[in-house]
Amino acid sequence: NIPPGEYVYDVTVENNNTSASGSFKVVPFEVE
């Protein structure tokens, strides 16, 4: 149930400086 739009994400490790990031998009279109 994520609303349509462009998103950035961050994955972090607790008590650690390691992280990874990126982006994805949710389009307002239901294939069905």
PDB file of all heavy atoms in Angstrom:
ATOM      1  N   ASN A   1       0.818  -1.223   0.000  1.00  0.00           N
ATOM      2  CA  ASN A   1       0.000   0.000   0.000  1.00  0.00           C
ATOM      3  C   ASN A   1       0.848   1.268   0.000  1.00  0.00           C
ATOM      4  O   ASN A   1       0.545   2.245   0.702  1.00  0.00           O
ATOM      5  CB  ASN A   1      -0.954   0.010   1.207  1.00  0.00           C
ATOM      6  CG  ASN A   1      -1.901  -1.172   1.199  1.00  0.00           C
ATOM      7  OD1 ASN A   1      -2.404  -1.561   0.143  1.00  0.00           O
ATOM      8  ND2 ASN A   1      -2.149  -1.757   2.362  1.00  0.00           N
ATOM      9  N   ILE A   2       1.922   1.257  -0.785  1.00  0.00           N
ATOM     10  CA  ILE A   2       2.757   2.448  -0.940  1.00  0.00           C
ATOM     11  C   ILE A   2       2.128   3.345  -2.008  1.00  0.00           C
ATOM     12  O   ILE A   2       1.873   2.881  -3.129  1.00  0.00           O
ATOM     13  CB  ILE A   2       4.192   2.068  -1.330  1.00  0.00           C
ATOM     14  CG1 ILE A   2       4.826   1.195  -0.249  1.00  0.00           C
ATOM     15  CG2 ILE A   2       5.032   3.315  -1.565  1.00  0.00           C
ATOM     16  CD1 ILE A   2       4.977   1.864   1.095  1.00  0.00           C
ATOM     17  N   PRO A   3       1.858   4.607  -1.708  1.00  0.00           N
ATOM     18  CA  PRO A   3       1.232   5.502  -2.699  1.00  0.00           C
ATOM     19  C   PRO A   3       2.134   5.690  -3.922  1.00  0.00           C
ATOM     20  O   PRO A   3       3.363   5.600  -3.821  1.00  0.00           O
ATOM     21  CB  PRO A   3       1.069   6.823  -1.923  1.00  0.00           C
ATOM     22  CG  PRO A   3       1.182   6.459  -0.486  1.00  0.00           C
ATOM     23  CD  PRO A   3       2.092   5.273  -0.418  1.00  0.00           C
ATOM     24  N   PRO A   4       1.545   5.977  -5.082  1.00  0.00           N
ATOM     25  CA  PRO A   4       2.352   6.228  -6.285  1.00  0.00           C
ATOM     26  C   PRO A   4       3.306   7.405  -6.084  1.00  0.00           C
ATOM     27  O   PRO A   4       2.996   8.358  -5.374  1.00  0.00           O
ATOM     28  CB  PRO A   4       1.299   6.543  -7.354  1.00  0.00           C
ATOM     29  CG  PRO A   4       0.057   5.874  -6.864  1.00  0.00           C
ATOM     30  CD  PRO A   4       0.101   5.981  -5.372  1.00  0.00           C
ATOM     31  N   GLY A   5       4.474   7.301  -6.714  1.00  0.00           N
ATOM     32  CA  GLY A   5       5.461   8.370  -6.622  1.00  0.00           C
ATOM     33  C   GLY A   5       6.869   7.826  -6.757  1.00  0.00           C
ATOM     34  O   GLY A   5       7.075   6.616  -6.903  1.00  0.00           O
ATOM     35  N   GLU A   6       7.848   8.728  -6.723  1.00  0.00           N
ATOM     36  CA  GLU A   6       9.255   8.348  -6.795  1.00  0.00           C
ATOM     37  C   GLU A   6       9.841   8.342  -5.383  1.00  0.00           C
ATOM     38  O   GLU A   6       9.652   9.284  -4.617  1.00  0.00           O
ATOM     39  CB  GLU A   6      10.033   9.308  -7.699  1.00  0.00           C
ATOM     40  CG  GLU A   6       9.641   9.208  -9.161  1.00  0.00           C
ATOM     41  CD  GLU A   6      10.549  10.011 -10.067  1.00  0.00           C
ATOM     42  OE1 GLU A   6      11.711  10.236  -9.675  1.00  0.00           O
ATOM     43  OE2 GLU A   6      10.100  10.413 -11.153  1.00  0.00           O
ATOM     44  N   TYR A   7      10.557   7.274  -5.062  1.00  0.00           N
ATOM     45  CA  TYR A   7      11.060   7.083  -3.702  1.00  0.00           C
ATOM     46  C   TYR A   7      12.570   6.828  -3.728  1.00  0.00           C
ATOM     47  O   TYR A   7      13.103   6.262  -4.698  1.00  0.00           O
ATOM     48  CB  TYR A   7      10.367   5.895  -3.031  1.00  0.00           C
ATOM     49  CG  TYR A   7       8.897   6.096  -2.793  1.00  0.00           C
ATOM     50  CD1 TYR A   7       7.967   5.830  -3.796  1.00  0.00           C
ATOM     51  CD2 TYR A   7       8.423   6.568  -1.565  1.00  0.00           C
ATOM     52  CE1 TYR A   7       6.606   6.026  -3.582  1.00  0.00           C
ATOM     53  CE2 TYR A   7       7.072   6.760  -1.345  1.00  0.00           C
ATOM     54  CZ  TYR A   7       6.167   6.487  -2.354  1.00  0.00           C
ATOM     55  OH  TYR A   7       4.822   6.675  -2.140  1.00  0.00           O
ATOM     56  N   VAL A   8      13.223   7.245  -2.655  1.00  0.00           N
ATOM     57  CA  VAL A   8      14.619   6.850  -2.420  1.00  0.00           C
ATOM     58  C   VAL A   8      14.623   5.979  -1.168  1.00  0.00           C
ATOM     59  O   VAL A   8      13.787   6.154  -0.269  1.00  0.00           O
ATOM     60  CB  VAL A   8      15.547   8.071  -2.233  1.00  0.00           C
ATOM     61  CG1 VAL A   8      15.651   8.854  -3.513  1.00  0.00           C
ATOM     62  CG2 VAL A   8      15.068   8.960  -1.085  1.00  0.00           C
ATOM     63  N   TYR A   9      15.533   5.035  -1.145  1.00  0.00           N
ATOM     64  CA  TYR A   9      15.613   4.161   0.029  1.00  0.00           C
ATOM     65  C   TYR A   9      17.045   4.137   0.565  1.00  0.00           C
ATOM     66  O   TYR A   9      18.014   4.328  -0.180  1.00  0.00           O
ATOM     67  CB  TYR A   9      15.153   2.740  -0.304  1.00  0.00           C
ATOM     68  CG  TYR A   9      16.056   1.992  -1.261  1.00  0.00           C
ATOM     69  CD1 TYR A   9      17.188   1.299  -0.805  1.00  0.00           C
ATOM     70  CD2 TYR A   9      15.795   1.959  -2.628  1.00  0.00           C
ATOM     71  CE1 TYR A   9      18.015   0.612  -1.670  1.00  0.00           C
ATOM     72  CE2 TYR A   9      16.622   1.276  -3.507  1.00  0.00           C
ATOM     73  CZ  TYR A   9      17.723   0.604  -3.022  1.00  0.00           C
ATOM     74  OH  TYR A   9      18.556  -0.072  -3.890  1.00  0.00           O
ATOM     75  N   ASP A  10      17.146   3.912   1.873  1.00  0.00           N
ATOM     76  CA  ASP A  10      18.434   3.739   2.540  1.00  0.00           C
ATOM     77  C   ASP A  10      18.347   2.492   3.405  1.00  0.00           C
ATOM     78  O   ASP A  10      17.408   2.342   4.196  1.00  0.00           O
ATOM     79  CB  ASP A  10      18.771   4.945   3.422  1.00  0.00           C
ATOM     80  CG  ASP A  10      19.159   6.166   2.606  1.00  0.00           C
ATOM     81  OD1 ASP A  10      20.230   6.140   1.996  1.00  0.00           O
ATOM     82  OD2 ASP A  10      18.365   7.122   2.580  1.00  0.00           O
ATOM     83  N   VAL A  11      19.316   1.604   3.250  1.00  0.00           N
ATOM     84  CA  VAL A  11      19.427   0.421   4.098  1.00  0.00           C
ATOM     85  C   VAL A  11      20.641   0.627   4.988  1.00  0.00           C
ATOM     86  O   VAL A  11      21.761   0.827   4.494  1.00  0.00           O
ATOM     87  CB  VAL A  11      19.567  -0.868   3.264  1.00  0.00           C
ATOM     88  CG1 VAL A  11      19.744  -2.074   4.185  1.00  0.00           C
ATOM     89  CG2 VAL A  11      18.351  -1.058   2.373  1.00  0.00           C
ATOM     90  N   THR A  12      20.421   0.608   6.285  1.00  0.00           N
ATOM     91  CA  THR A  12      21.507   0.853   7.239  1.00  0.00           C
ATOM     92  C   THR A  12      21.648  -0.323   8.195  1.00  0.00           C
ATOM     93  O   THR A  12      20.695  -1.074   8.422  1.00  0.00           O
ATOM     94  CB  THR A  12      21.238   2.135   8.055  1.00  0.00           C
ATOM     95  OG1 THR A  12      19.968   2.014   8.708  1.00  0.00           O
ATOM     96  CG2 THR A  12      21.240   3.350   7.157  1.00  0.00           C
ATOM     97  N   VAL A  13      22.863  -0.471   8.738  1.00  0.00           N
ATOM     98  CA  VAL A  13      23.150  -1.508   9.726  1.00  0.00           C
ATOM     99  C   VAL A  13      23.305  -0.833  11.077  1.00  0.00           C
ATOM    100  O   VAL A  13      24.105   0.103  11.223  1.00  0.00           O
ATOM    101  CB  VAL A  13      24.431  -2.288   9.360  1.00  0.00           C
ATOM    102  CG1 VAL A  13      24.670  -3.412  10.378  1.00  0.00           C
ATOM    103  CG2 VAL A  13      24.334  -2.849   7.950  1.00  0.00           C
ATOM    104  N   GLU A  14      22.533  -1.286  12.043  1.00  0.00           N
ATOM    105  CA  GLU A  14      22.559  -0.656  13.365  1.00  0.00           C
ATOM    106  C   GLU A  14      23.946  -0.780  14.004  1.00  0.00           C
ATOM    107  O   GLU A  14      24.582  -1.836  13.924  1.00  0.00           O
ATOM    108  CB  GLU A  14      21.492  -1.294  14.261  1.00  0.00           C
ATOM    109  CG  GLU A  14      21.214  -0.479  15.509  1.00  0.00           C
ATOM    110  CD  GLU A  14      19.883  -0.826  16.133  1.00  0.00           C
ATOM    111  OE1 GLU A  14      18.845  -0.722  15.447  1.00  0.00           O
ATOM    112  OE2 GLU A  14      19.899  -1.207  17.311  1.00  0.00           O
ATOM    113  N   ASN A  15      24.413   0.322  14.595  1.00  0.00           N
ATOM    114  CA  ASN A  15      25.731   0.389  15.255  1.00  0.00           C
ATOM    115  C   ASN A  15      26.875   0.148  14.271  1.00  0.00           C
ATOM    116  O   ASN A  15      27.911  -0.412  14.618  1.00  0.00           O
ATOM    117  CB  ASN A  15      25.826  -0.606  16.413  1.00  0.00           C
ATOM    118  CG  ASN A  15      24.772  -0.350  17.476  1.00  0.00           C
ATOM    119  OD1 ASN A  15      24.474   0.794  17.789  1.00  0.00           O
ATOM    120  ND2 ASN A  15      24.212  -1.421  18.010  1.00  0.00           N
ATOM    121  N   ASN A  16      26.658   0.540  13.007  1.00  0.00           N
ATOM    122  CA  ASN A  16      27.672   0.339  11.977  1.00  0.00           C
ATOM    123  C   ASN A  16      27.499   1.426  10.933  1.00  0.00           C
ATOM    124  O   ASN A  16      26.380   1.888  10.673  1.00  0.00           O
ATOM    125  CB  ASN A  16      27.505  -1.054  11.350  1.00  0.00           C
ATOM    126  CG  ASN A  16      28.723  -1.473  10.539  1.00  0.00           C
ATOM    127  OD1 ASN A  16      29.064  -0.842   9.547  1.00  0.00           O
ATOM    128  ND2 ASN A  16      29.362  -2.542  10.972  1.00  0.00           N
ATOM    129  N   ASN A  17      28.599   1.827  10.290  1.00  0.00           N
ATOM    130  CA  ASN A  17      28.530   2.888   9.282  1.00  0.00           C
ATOM    131  C   ASN A  17      28.181   2.368   7.893  1.00  0.00           C
ATOM    132  O   ASN A  17      28.050   3.153   6.952  1.00  0.00           O
ATOM    133  CB  ASN A  17      29.870   3.636   9.214  1.00  0.00           C
ATOM    134  CG  ASN A  17      30.131   4.431  10.486  1.00  0.00           C
ATOM    135  OD1 ASN A  17      29.198   4.927  11.109  1.00  0.00           O
ATOM    136  ND2 ASN A  17      31.403   4.536  10.859  1.00  0.00           N
ATOM    137  N   THR A  18      28.047   1.046   7.729  1.00  0.00           N
ATOM    138  CA  THR A  18      27.745   0.465   6.423  1.00  0.00           C
ATOM    139  C   THR A  18      26.316   0.799   6.008  1.00  0.00           C
ATOM    140  O   THR A  18      25.387   0.700   6.819  1.00  0.00           O
ATOM    141  CB  THR A  18      27.913  -1.066   6.461  1.00  0.00           C
ATOM    142  OG1 THR A  18      29.219  -1.377   6.948  1.00  0.00           O
ATOM    143  CG2 THR A  18      27.728  -1.673   5.088  1.00  0.00           C
ATOM    144  N   SER A  19      26.137   1.205   4.761  1.00  0.00           N
ATOM    145  CA  SER A  19      24.800   1.525   4.263  1.00  0.00           C
ATOM    146  C   SER A  19      24.750   1.326   2.754  1.00  0.00           C
ATOM    147  O   SER A  19      25.782   1.238   2.084  1.00  0.00           O
ATOM    148  CB  SER A  19      24.406   2.959   4.616  1.00  0.00           C
ATOM    149  OG  SER A  19      25.263   3.867   3.957  1.00  0.00           O
ATOM    150  N   ALA A  20      23.534   1.254   2.217  1.00  0.00           N
ATOM    151  CA  ALA A  20      23.310   1.156   0.774  1.00  0.00           C
ATOM    152  C   ALA A  20      22.058   1.959   0.451  1.00  0.00           C
ATOM    153  O   ALA A  20      21.119   2.019   1.255  1.00  0.00           O
ATOM    154  CB  ALA A  20      23.141  -0.297   0.344  1.00  0.00           C
ATOM    155  N   SER A  21      22.043   2.590  -0.714  1.00  0.00           N
ATOM    156  CA  SER A  21      20.895   3.423  -1.074  1.00  0.00           C
ATOM    157  C   SER A  21      20.571   3.255  -2.547  1.00  0.00           C
ATOM    158  O   SER A  21      21.360   2.713  -3.325  1.00  0.00           O
ATOM    159  CB  SER A  21      21.177   4.892  -0.756  1.00  0.00           C
ATOM    160  OG  SER A  21      22.315   5.340  -1.481  1.00  0.00           O
ATOM    161  N   GLY A  22      19.391   3.721  -2.923  1.00  0.00           N
ATOM    162  CA  GLY A  22      18.942   3.628  -4.304  1.00  0.00           C
ATOM    163  C   GLY A  22      17.577   4.260  -4.443  1.00  0.00           C
ATOM    164  O   GLY A  22      17.117   4.992  -3.557  1.00  0.00           O
ATOM    165  N   SER A  23      16.908   3.982  -5.556  1.00  0.00           N
ATOM    166  CA  SER A  23      15.594   4.577  -5.796  1.00  0.00           C
ATOM    167  C   SER A  23      14.686   3.588  -6.504  1.00  0.00           C
ATOM    168  O   SER A  23      15.148   2.621  -7.122  1.00  0.00           O
ATOM    169  CB  SER A  23      15.734   5.855  -6.629  1.00  0.00           C
ATOM    170  OG  SER A  23      16.244   5.543  -7.921  1.00  0.00           O
ATOM    171  N   PHE A  24      13.389   3.829  -6.394  1.00  0.00           N
ATOM    172  CA  PHE A  24      12.397   3.064  -7.144  1.00  0.00           C
ATOM    173  C   PHE A  24      11.176   3.951  -7.344  1.00  0.00           C
ATOM    174  O   PHE A  24      11.032   4.998  -6.703  1.00  0.00           O
ATOM    175  CB  PHE A  24      12.025   1.766  -6.427  1.00  0.00           C
ATOM    176  CG  PHE A  24      11.342   1.941  -5.096  1.00  0.00           C
ATOM    177  CD1 PHE A  24       9.960   1.982  -4.998  1.00  0.00           C
ATOM    178  CD2 PHE A  24      12.091   2.073  -3.929  1.00  0.00           C
ATOM    179  CE1 PHE A  24       9.327   2.150  -3.775  1.00  0.00           C
ATOM    180  CE2 PHE A  24      11.471   2.238  -2.700  1.00  0.00           C
ATOM    181  CZ  PHE A  24      10.087   2.277  -2.620  1.00  0.00           C
ATOM    182  N   LYS A  25      10.297   3.510  -8.229  1.00  0.00           N
ATOM    183  CA  LYS A  25       9.109   4.304  -8.542  1.00  0.00           C
ATOM    184  C   LYS A  25       7.875   3.423  -8.481  1.00  0.00           C
ATOM    185  O   LYS A  25       7.894   2.280  -8.940  1.00  0.00           O
ATOM    186  CB  LYS A  25       9.242   4.929  -9.934  1.00  0.00           C
ATOM    187  CG  LYS A  25       8.084   5.850 -10.312  1.00  0.00           C
ATOM    188  CD  LYS A  25       8.308   6.488 -11.680  1.00  0.00           C
ATOM    189  CE  LYS A  25       7.167   7.437 -12.038  1.00  0.00           C
ATOM    190  NZ  LYS A  25       7.374   8.069 -13.359  1.00  0.00           N
ATOM    191  N   VAL A  26       6.798   3.978  -7.899  1.00  0.00           N
ATOM    192  CA  VAL A  26       5.490   3.318  -7.894  1.00  0.00           C
ATOM    193  C   VAL A  26       4.580   4.118  -8.819  1.00  0.00           C
ATOM    194  O   VAL A  26       4.362   5.318  -8.595  1.00  0.00           O
ATOM    195  CB  VAL A  26       4.899   3.255  -6.471  1.00  0.00           C
ATOM    196  CG1 VAL A  26       3.533   2.580  -6.500  1.00  0.00           C
ATOM    197  CG2 VAL A  26       5.838   2.505  -5.531  1.00  0.00           C
ATOM    198  N   VAL A  27       4.086   3.470  -9.866  1.00  0.00           N
ATOM    199  CA  VAL A  27       3.256   4.173 -10.848  1.00  0.00           C
ATOM    200  C   VAL A  27       1.782   3.904 -10.572  1.00  0.00           C
ATOM    201  O   VAL A  27       1.403   2.802 -10.159  1.00  0.00           O
ATOM    202  CB  VAL A  27       3.619   3.756 -12.290  1.00  0.00           C
ATOM    203  CG1 VAL A  27       5.017   4.207 -12.626  1.00  0.00           C
ATOM    204  CG2 VAL A  27       3.488   2.258 -12.479  1.00  0.00           C
ATOM    205  N   PRO A  28       0.916   4.902 -10.786  1.00  0.00           N
ATOM    206  CA  PRO A  28      -0.516   4.761 -10.487  1.00  0.00           C
ATOM    207  C   PRO A  28      -1.242   3.971 -11.562  1.00  0.00           C
ATOM    208  O   PRO A  28      -2.140   4.479 -12.249  1.00  0.00           O
ATOM    209  CB  PRO A  28      -0.999   6.215 -10.436  1.00  0.00           C
ATOM    210  CG  PRO A  28      -0.101   6.922 -11.387  1.00  0.00           C
ATOM    211  CD  PRO A  28       1.241   6.251 -11.279  1.00  0.00           C
ATOM    212  N   PHE A  29      -0.847   2.736 -11.713  1.00  0.00           N
ATOM    213  CA  PHE A  29      -1.440   1.892 -12.748  1.00  0.00           C
ATOM    214  C   PHE A  29      -1.548   0.477 -12.213  1.00  0.00           C
ATOM    215  O   PHE A  29      -0.561  -0.096 -11.751  1.00  0.00           O
ATOM    216  CB  PHE A  29      -0.563   1.912 -14.001  1.00  0.00           C
ATOM    217  CG  PHE A  29      -0.992   0.923 -15.052  1.00  0.00           C
ATOM    218  CD1 PHE A  29      -2.086   1.165 -15.843  1.00  0.00           C
ATOM    219  CD2 PHE A  29      -0.296  -0.262 -15.236  1.00  0.00           C
ATOM    220  CE1 PHE A  29      -2.473   0.258 -16.807  1.00  0.00           C
ATOM    221  CE2 PHE A  29      -0.674  -1.176 -16.192  1.00  0.00           C
ATOM    222  CZ  PHE A  29      -1.765  -0.914 -16.989  1.00  0.00           C
ATOM    223  N   GLU A  30      -2.741  -0.064 -12.225  1.00  0.00           N
ATOM    224  CA  GLU A  30      -2.950  -1.450 -11.810  1.00  0.00           C
ATOM    225  C   GLU A  30      -3.142  -2.288 -13.057  1.00  0.00           C
ATOM    226  O   GLU A  30      -4.085  -2.079 -13.823  1.00  0.00           O
ATOM    227  CB  GLU A  30      -4.164  -1.550 -10.882  1.00  0.00           C
ATOM    228  CG  GLU A  30      -3.961  -0.855  -9.550  1.00  0.00           C
ATOM    229  CD  GLU A  30      -5.156  -1.016  -8.633  1.00  0.00           C
ATOM    230  OE1 GLU A  30      -5.629  -2.152  -8.497  1.00  0.00           O
ATOM    231  OE2 GLU A  30      -5.612  -0.008  -8.083  1.00  0.00           O
ATOM    232  N   VAL A  31      -2.234  -3.222 -13.250  1.00  0.00           N
ATOM    233  CA  VAL A  31      -2.237  -4.008 -14.476  1.00  0.00           C
ATOM    234  C   VAL A  31      -3.537  -4.784 -14.644  1.00  0.00           C
ATOM    235  O   VAL A  31      -3.991  -5.040 -15.756  1.00  0.00           O
ATOM    236  CB  VAL A  31      -1.006  -4.954 -14.496  1.00  0.00           C
ATOM    237  CG1 VAL A  31      -1.125  -6.045 -13.436  1.00  0.00           C
ATOM    238  CG2 VAL A  31      -0.801  -5.551 -15.876  1.00  0.00           C
ATOM    239  N   GLU A  32      -4.184  -5.136 -13.530  1.00  0.00           N
ATOM    240  CA  GLU A  32      -5.428  -5.903 -13.606  1.00  0.00           C
ATOM    241  C   GLU A  32      -6.614  -5.047 -14.069  1.00  0.00           C
ATOM    242  O   GLU A  32      -7.682  -5.580 -14.344  1.00  0.00           O
ATOM    243  CB  GLU A  32      -5.733  -6.535 -12.244  1.00  0.00           C
ATOM    244  CG  GLU A  32      -4.806  -7.675 -11.862  1.00  0.00           C
ATOM    245  CD  GLU A  32      -4.999  -8.920 -12.709  1.00  0.00           C
ATOM    246  OE1 GLU A  32      -6.131  -9.175 -13.128  1.00  0.00           O
ATOM    247  OE2 GLU A  32      -4.011  -9.625 -12.963  1.00  0.00           O
TER     248      GLU A  32
END
